[in-house]
Protein backbone atom coordinates (compact mmCIF):
# COMPACT_ATOMS: atom_id res chain seq x y z
CA MET A 1 2.46 70.13 -30.60
CA VAL A 2 3.20 66.56 -31.38
CA LYS A 3 1.85 64.90 -34.43
CA ASP A 4 1.17 61.27 -35.25
CA ARG A 5 2.72 59.45 -38.29
CA PHE A 6 -0.21 60.77 -40.45
CA GLY A 7 0.45 64.38 -39.61
CA ARG A 8 -2.64 64.64 -37.23
CA PRO A 9 -1.95 66.84 -34.32
CA VAL A 10 -3.11 65.79 -30.86
CA LYS A 11 -4.84 68.68 -29.31
CA SER A 12 -7.12 67.04 -26.64
CA ILE A 13 -7.27 64.07 -24.21
CA ARG A 14 -10.44 62.24 -23.27
CA VAL A 15 -10.00 60.84 -19.73
CA SER A 16 -12.17 57.99 -18.42
CA LEU A 17 -12.39 58.30 -14.76
CA THR A 18 -14.36 55.08 -14.00
CA GLU A 19 -16.14 52.22 -15.41
CA ARG A 20 -18.91 52.41 -12.73
CA CYS A 21 -22.22 53.83 -13.76
CA ASN A 22 -25.62 54.15 -12.13
CA LEU A 23 -27.27 53.34 -15.42
CA ASN A 24 -26.95 50.46 -17.62
CA CYS A 25 -27.57 51.62 -21.24
CA PHE A 26 -27.95 48.58 -23.47
CA TYR A 27 -25.72 49.89 -26.19
CA CYS A 28 -22.85 51.46 -24.03
CA HIS A 29 -19.35 50.70 -25.11
CA ARG A 30 -17.75 52.28 -22.11
CA GLU A 31 -15.25 54.35 -24.09
CA GLY A 32 -14.12 51.16 -25.83
CA GLU A 33 -13.16 49.52 -22.43
CA TRP A 34 -14.43 45.92 -22.97
CA HIS A 35 -12.95 44.65 -19.77
CA ARG A 36 -14.02 45.26 -16.20
CA HIS A 37 -11.66 46.48 -13.48
CA ARG A 38 -11.64 48.82 -10.29
CA ASN A 39 -8.08 50.12 -10.74
CA GLU A 40 -9.19 53.79 -10.82
CA MET A 41 -6.69 56.56 -10.97
CA ALA A 42 -6.33 58.97 -7.96
CA PRO A 43 -6.84 62.63 -8.45
CA GLU A 44 -3.15 63.41 -8.20
CA GLU A 45 -2.32 60.66 -10.74
CA VAL A 46 -4.75 62.25 -13.26
CA GLU A 47 -3.22 65.60 -12.62
CA ARG A 48 0.30 64.35 -13.14
CA ILE A 49 -0.60 62.65 -16.45
CA LEU A 50 -2.40 65.94 -17.54
CA LYS A 51 0.70 67.70 -16.78
CA ILE A 52 2.70 65.60 -19.15
CA ALA A 53 0.02 66.13 -21.68
CA ARG A 54 0.20 69.86 -21.29
CA ALA A 55 3.95 69.57 -21.86
CA LEU A 56 3.11 68.24 -25.48
CA ASP A 57 0.67 71.29 -25.77
CA ILE A 58 -2.52 69.29 -25.20
CA ARG A 59 -4.71 71.78 -23.55
CA LYS A 60 -8.11 70.29 -23.89
CA VAL A 61 -9.56 67.52 -21.60
CA LYS A 62 -13.01 65.83 -21.54
CA PHE A 63 -13.79 63.71 -18.60
CA THR A 64 -15.86 60.52 -19.24
CA GLY A 65 -16.72 57.21 -17.82
CA GLY A 66 -18.70 55.03 -17.13
CA GLU A 67 -20.38 57.78 -15.31
CA PRO A 68 -17.81 60.36 -14.06
CA LEU A 69 -20.08 61.74 -11.48
CA MET A 70 -19.86 58.42 -9.66
CA ARG A 71 -16.60 59.65 -8.51
CA GLU A 72 -17.15 61.52 -5.20
CA ASP A 73 -13.84 63.45 -5.92
CA ILE A 74 -14.91 64.61 -9.31
CA VAL A 75 -14.91 68.35 -8.21
CA ASP A 76 -11.28 67.95 -7.02
CA ILE A 77 -10.34 66.39 -10.22
CA VAL A 78 -11.75 69.17 -12.28
CA ALA A 79 -10.14 71.77 -10.06
CA ARG A 80 -6.74 70.12 -10.55
CA ALA A 81 -7.32 69.93 -14.36
CA ALA A 82 -8.54 73.47 -14.96
CA PRO A 83 -5.26 75.34 -14.71
CA LEU A 84 -3.52 72.96 -17.00
CA MET A 85 -6.16 72.43 -19.66
CA ASP A 86 -6.92 76.10 -20.11
CA ARG A 87 -8.47 75.78 -23.62
CA ASP A 88 -11.36 73.46 -22.77
CA VAL A 89 -12.36 71.47 -19.61
CA SER A 90 -15.41 69.47 -20.34
CA LEU A 91 -17.37 66.44 -19.16
CA THR A 92 -19.78 63.79 -20.57
CA THR A 93 -22.35 62.47 -18.32
CA ASN A 94 -25.73 60.79 -18.30
CA GLY A 95 -26.94 63.90 -16.38
CA THR A 96 -28.79 62.06 -13.60
CA LEU A 97 -26.48 63.23 -10.77
CA LEU A 98 -25.72 66.54 -12.41
CA SER A 99 -28.34 68.70 -10.50
CA LYS A 100 -26.06 67.91 -7.39
CA TYR A 101 -22.75 68.91 -8.98
CA ALA A 102 -23.33 71.31 -11.71
CA GLN A 103 -22.65 74.48 -9.86
CA ASP A 104 -19.66 73.21 -7.91
CA LEU A 105 -18.13 71.91 -11.15
CA LYS A 106 -18.70 75.17 -12.88
CA ASP A 107 -16.87 76.93 -9.99
CA ALA A 108 -14.09 74.33 -10.10
CA GLY A 109 -13.43 75.30 -13.74
CA LEU A 110 -15.58 73.08 -15.79
CA MET A 111 -16.53 74.94 -18.93
CA ARG A 112 -19.01 72.85 -20.83
CA VAL A 113 -20.86 69.49 -20.57
CA ASN A 114 -22.30 66.78 -22.90
CA ILE A 115 -25.30 64.95 -21.47
CA SER A 116 -26.57 61.67 -22.87
CA LEU A 117 -30.22 61.97 -23.70
CA ASP A 118 -31.50 59.61 -26.38
CA THR A 119 -35.17 60.25 -25.81
CA LEU A 120 -37.70 62.60 -24.19
CA ASP A 121 -40.19 59.65 -23.55
CA PRO A 122 -40.07 58.25 -20.03
CA GLU A 123 -40.85 54.62 -20.97
CA LYS A 124 -38.18 54.60 -23.85
CA TYR A 125 -35.66 56.16 -21.50
CA ARG A 126 -36.25 53.27 -18.92
CA LYS A 127 -35.85 50.72 -21.61
CA ILE A 128 -32.58 52.38 -23.07
CA THR A 129 -31.17 52.83 -19.66
CA ARG A 130 -32.51 49.70 -17.98
CA ASN A 131 -34.74 51.54 -15.31
CA GLY A 132 -33.29 55.07 -15.31
CA ASP A 133 -35.56 57.93 -14.46
CA LEU A 134 -35.88 60.59 -17.32
CA LYS A 135 -36.67 63.26 -14.70
CA ASP A 136 -33.21 62.90 -13.09
CA ALA A 137 -31.57 63.51 -16.47
CA MET A 138 -33.82 66.46 -17.18
CA ASP A 139 -33.10 68.04 -13.96
CA GLY A 140 -29.35 67.76 -14.88
CA VAL A 141 -29.88 69.49 -18.24
CA HIS A 142 -31.59 72.46 -16.52
CA ALA A 143 -28.99 72.53 -13.63
CA ALA A 144 -26.19 72.66 -16.27
CA ILE A 145 -27.83 75.58 -18.06
CA ASP A 146 -28.61 77.47 -14.81
CA ALA A 147 -24.87 76.95 -13.72
CA GLY A 148 -23.66 78.66 -16.93
CA LEU A 149 -21.95 75.67 -18.37
CA ASN A 150 -21.70 76.55 -22.11
CA PRO A 151 -22.43 75.00 -24.34
CA VAL A 152 -24.52 72.24 -23.09
CA LYS A 153 -24.73 69.53 -25.77
CA LEU A 154 -27.25 66.76 -25.74
CA ASN A 155 -25.94 63.50 -27.01
CA MET A 156 -28.58 61.49 -28.91
CA VAL A 157 -27.57 57.98 -30.13
CA LEU A 158 -29.73 57.11 -32.99
CA LEU A 159 -31.27 53.68 -32.47
CA ARG A 160 -33.38 51.86 -35.02
CA GLY A 161 -36.93 51.21 -33.83
CA ILE A 162 -36.53 53.08 -30.71
CA ASN A 163 -35.87 56.89 -31.19
CA GLU A 164 -35.52 57.84 -34.85
CA ASP A 165 -39.10 59.08 -34.81
CA GLU A 166 -38.17 61.61 -32.16
CA ILE A 167 -35.54 63.64 -34.08
CA GLU A 168 -37.80 66.71 -34.72
CA ARG A 169 -38.79 66.63 -31.02
CA MET A 170 -35.46 66.52 -29.83
CA ILE A 171 -34.48 69.42 -32.07
CA GLU A 172 -37.32 71.46 -30.61
CA PHE A 173 -36.29 70.61 -27.11
CA SER A 174 -32.66 71.68 -27.75
CA ALA A 175 -33.99 74.93 -29.28
CA GLU A 176 -36.14 75.56 -26.23
CA THR A 177 -33.18 75.12 -23.90
CA GLY A 178 -30.46 76.62 -25.87
CA ALA A 179 -28.62 73.35 -25.91
CA ILE A 180 -26.86 71.88 -29.02
CA LEU A 181 -28.05 68.52 -30.19
CA GLN A 182 -25.60 65.97 -31.43
CA ILE A 183 -27.26 63.15 -33.32
CA ILE A 184 -24.69 60.29 -33.05
CA GLU A 185 -24.43 57.10 -35.12
CA LEU A 186 -24.24 53.94 -33.16
CA GLU A 187 -20.54 52.74 -33.57
CA THR A 188 -18.76 49.40 -33.00
CA PRO A 189 -15.40 47.87 -34.29
CA VAL A 190 -15.77 46.34 -37.72
CA GLU A 191 -15.54 42.86 -36.37
CA ARG A 192 -18.71 43.47 -34.56
CA GLU A 193 -20.65 44.91 -37.43
CA ASN A 194 -22.29 41.57 -38.50
CA THR A 195 -23.64 40.92 -34.91
CA GLN A 196 -27.48 40.80 -34.83
CA PHE A 197 -27.36 43.69 -32.20
CA PHE A 198 -25.64 46.11 -34.45
CA LYS A 199 -27.74 45.10 -37.46
CA LYS A 200 -30.88 45.60 -35.36
CA TYR A 201 -30.13 49.02 -33.94
CA HIS A 202 -27.83 50.74 -36.36
CA VAL A 203 -29.11 53.66 -38.35
CA ASN A 204 -26.87 55.60 -40.87
CA PRO A 205 -27.68 59.36 -40.11
CA LYS A 206 -26.57 60.42 -43.54
CA PHE A 207 -30.35 61.02 -44.49
CA ILE A 208 -30.69 63.48 -41.62
CA GLU A 209 -27.58 65.36 -42.67
CA GLU A 210 -28.91 65.59 -46.16
CA HIS A 211 -32.19 66.98 -45.01
CA LEU A 212 -30.61 69.47 -42.54
CA GLU A 213 -28.38 70.79 -45.46
CA LYS A 214 -31.56 71.75 -47.30
CA VAL A 215 -33.22 73.60 -44.44
CA ALA A 216 -30.35 75.06 -42.48
CA ASP A 217 -29.78 78.79 -42.48
CA GLU A 218 -26.29 78.48 -41.71
CA ILE A 219 -23.70 75.56 -42.13
CA ASN A 220 -20.27 75.44 -40.53
CA TYR A 221 -17.93 72.87 -39.20
CA ASN A 222 -16.85 71.53 -35.86
CA GLU A 223 -13.00 71.39 -35.98
CA LEU A 224 -13.02 67.99 -34.32
CA HIS A 225 -13.57 65.33 -37.03
CA ARG A 226 -14.57 68.16 -39.48
CA ARG A 227 -18.24 67.38 -38.83
CA LYS A 228 -21.01 69.74 -39.91
CA ARG A 229 -22.88 71.98 -37.68
CA PHE A 230 -26.38 73.19 -38.85
CA ARG A 231 -28.16 76.25 -37.45
CA PHE A 232 -31.71 77.12 -38.39
CA LYS A 233 -34.86 78.71 -37.18
CA PHE A 234 -37.18 76.37 -35.17
CA GLY A 235 -40.21 78.16 -34.23
CA SER A 236 -39.19 81.33 -32.55
CA ARG A 237 -35.78 80.13 -31.51
CA MET A 238 -32.51 79.02 -33.26
CA ALA A 239 -31.62 75.35 -33.27
CA GLU A 240 -28.10 74.06 -33.65
CA VAL A 241 -27.62 70.42 -34.53
CA GLU A 242 -24.38 68.36 -35.24
CA ILE A 243 -24.36 65.06 -36.93
CA VAL A 244 -21.62 62.62 -35.75
CA ARG A 245 -21.03 59.87 -38.27
CA PRO A 246 -18.03 57.72 -37.13
CA MET A 247 -18.60 54.53 -39.16
CA HIS A 248 -16.81 54.04 -42.29
CA ASN A 249 -15.93 57.71 -42.37
CA SER A 250 -12.48 58.53 -43.45
CA THR A 251 -12.97 62.30 -42.94
CA PHE A 252 -14.01 61.54 -39.36
CA CYS A 253 -10.66 59.76 -38.73
CA MET A 254 -8.58 62.00 -40.80
CA TYR A 255 -9.55 64.96 -38.73
CA CYS A 256 -9.33 63.24 -35.14
CA THR A 257 -7.09 65.22 -32.75
CA ARG A 258 -7.75 63.42 -29.59
CA ILE A 259 -6.15 60.67 -27.50
CA ARG A 260 -7.81 58.85 -24.77
CA LEU A 261 -6.90 57.54 -21.25
CA THR A 262 -8.59 54.59 -19.96
CA SER A 263 -9.80 54.50 -16.23
CA ASP A 264 -7.03 52.06 -15.38
CA GLY A 265 -4.42 54.47 -16.73
CA LYS A 266 -3.70 53.20 -20.31
CA LEU A 267 -3.31 55.66 -23.12
CA LYS A 268 -5.55 54.53 -26.01
CA PRO A 269 -4.84 55.81 -29.46
CA CYS A 270 -8.20 54.90 -30.94
CA LEU A 271 -11.54 54.33 -29.45
CA LEU A 272 -12.26 51.21 -31.62
CA ARG A 273 -9.00 49.36 -30.98
CA ASN A 274 -7.66 47.71 -27.86
CA ASP A 275 -4.45 46.13 -29.35
CA ASN A 276 -2.28 49.21 -29.23
CA LEU A 277 -2.65 50.66 -25.66
CA VAL A 278 0.22 52.10 -23.78
CA ASP A 279 0.32 51.70 -20.06
CA ILE A 280 1.21 54.99 -18.30
CA LEU A 281 -0.19 54.51 -14.87
CA GLY A 282 2.02 51.61 -14.21
CA PRO A 283 5.28 53.25 -14.69
CA LEU A 284 3.93 56.37 -12.90
CA ARG A 285 3.21 54.34 -9.75
CA ASN A 286 6.69 52.60 -10.22
CA GLY A 287 8.49 56.01 -9.89
CA ALA A 288 8.94 56.98 -13.57
CA SER A 289 10.26 60.40 -13.99
CA ASP A 290 8.50 63.07 -15.98
CA ASP A 291 10.87 62.65 -18.84
CA GLU A 292 10.16 58.89 -18.91
CA LEU A 293 6.38 59.52 -18.85
CA LEU A 294 6.77 62.02 -21.67
CA GLU A 295 8.42 59.29 -23.91
CA ILE A 296 5.56 56.93 -22.98
CA PHE A 297 3.04 59.68 -24.08
CA LYS A 298 4.97 60.17 -27.46
CA GLU A 299 4.99 56.42 -28.05
CA ALA A 300 1.06 56.33 -27.70
CA ILE A 301 0.86 59.19 -30.07
CA LEU A 302 2.93 57.50 -32.66
CA ARG A 303 0.62 54.51 -32.47
CA ARG A 304 -2.35 56.56 -33.61
CA GLU A 305 -3.64 55.73 -37.01
CA PRO A 306 -7.00 56.34 -38.96
CA TYR A 307 -9.38 53.45 -38.21
CA PHE A 308 -11.24 54.01 -41.37
CA LYS A 309 -8.88 55.09 -44.18
């Protein structure tokens, strides 16, 4: 297992498969890809890069976008990844297309799924997603559960003035379905923190974490980012909630064990930086050997450094 200069091992890779999306969420950062392109990787190119990752003992992959289910070859991509990434093959999606793909993805080797669900209110959902239909996302949640994807995690980005009044309702829904609720802090690079947009919508979820610490029956830690996981009785069921606080959180960065691959084939050492990317798709398409690609991967890992120190 390769470690970066700060002693942090790289255990997982987060692969953006496309910038395309069927929704247009107003806060979306597209995995930190601030440019637009259509230079998507072919399934066999994704597979070869994952083989290089596996040679470095990276055995977990999460597919993201954009919306990864916009790729008609998504089941093929998952099937290629599953034998290589044997510890965890997961996917983040808005869920609106998941009812079509859930069982096929499970059969191809997908283990679990994260579904973006910021609200249970249809009008708020339309506002956040700019005309998305909440029913499609809810159908995706139930399809994932029925297919046996486990766990199903619900990603709720906390937005001031929009959904901070829905936290209890979201916890209740997660308890009813057996899904894990992730309450996620809106994040942005430090140079964008003073924008009117960030000031308007950002909420520090520390107050939620402090409240859950008082009422939880059990508290443990998710290995990634050392974030807290709370379990407690909610009605007749158990609820499980994680708080994701990336902003100005040195612990979050200290325990980061992932590297990213952009949808146009660049290794991205940190979500919030775009000045240290390493192109791996270009050399791959130009005939680079596995050894050469391995050195490119190692270079990207060496460029990793905590964003918040």
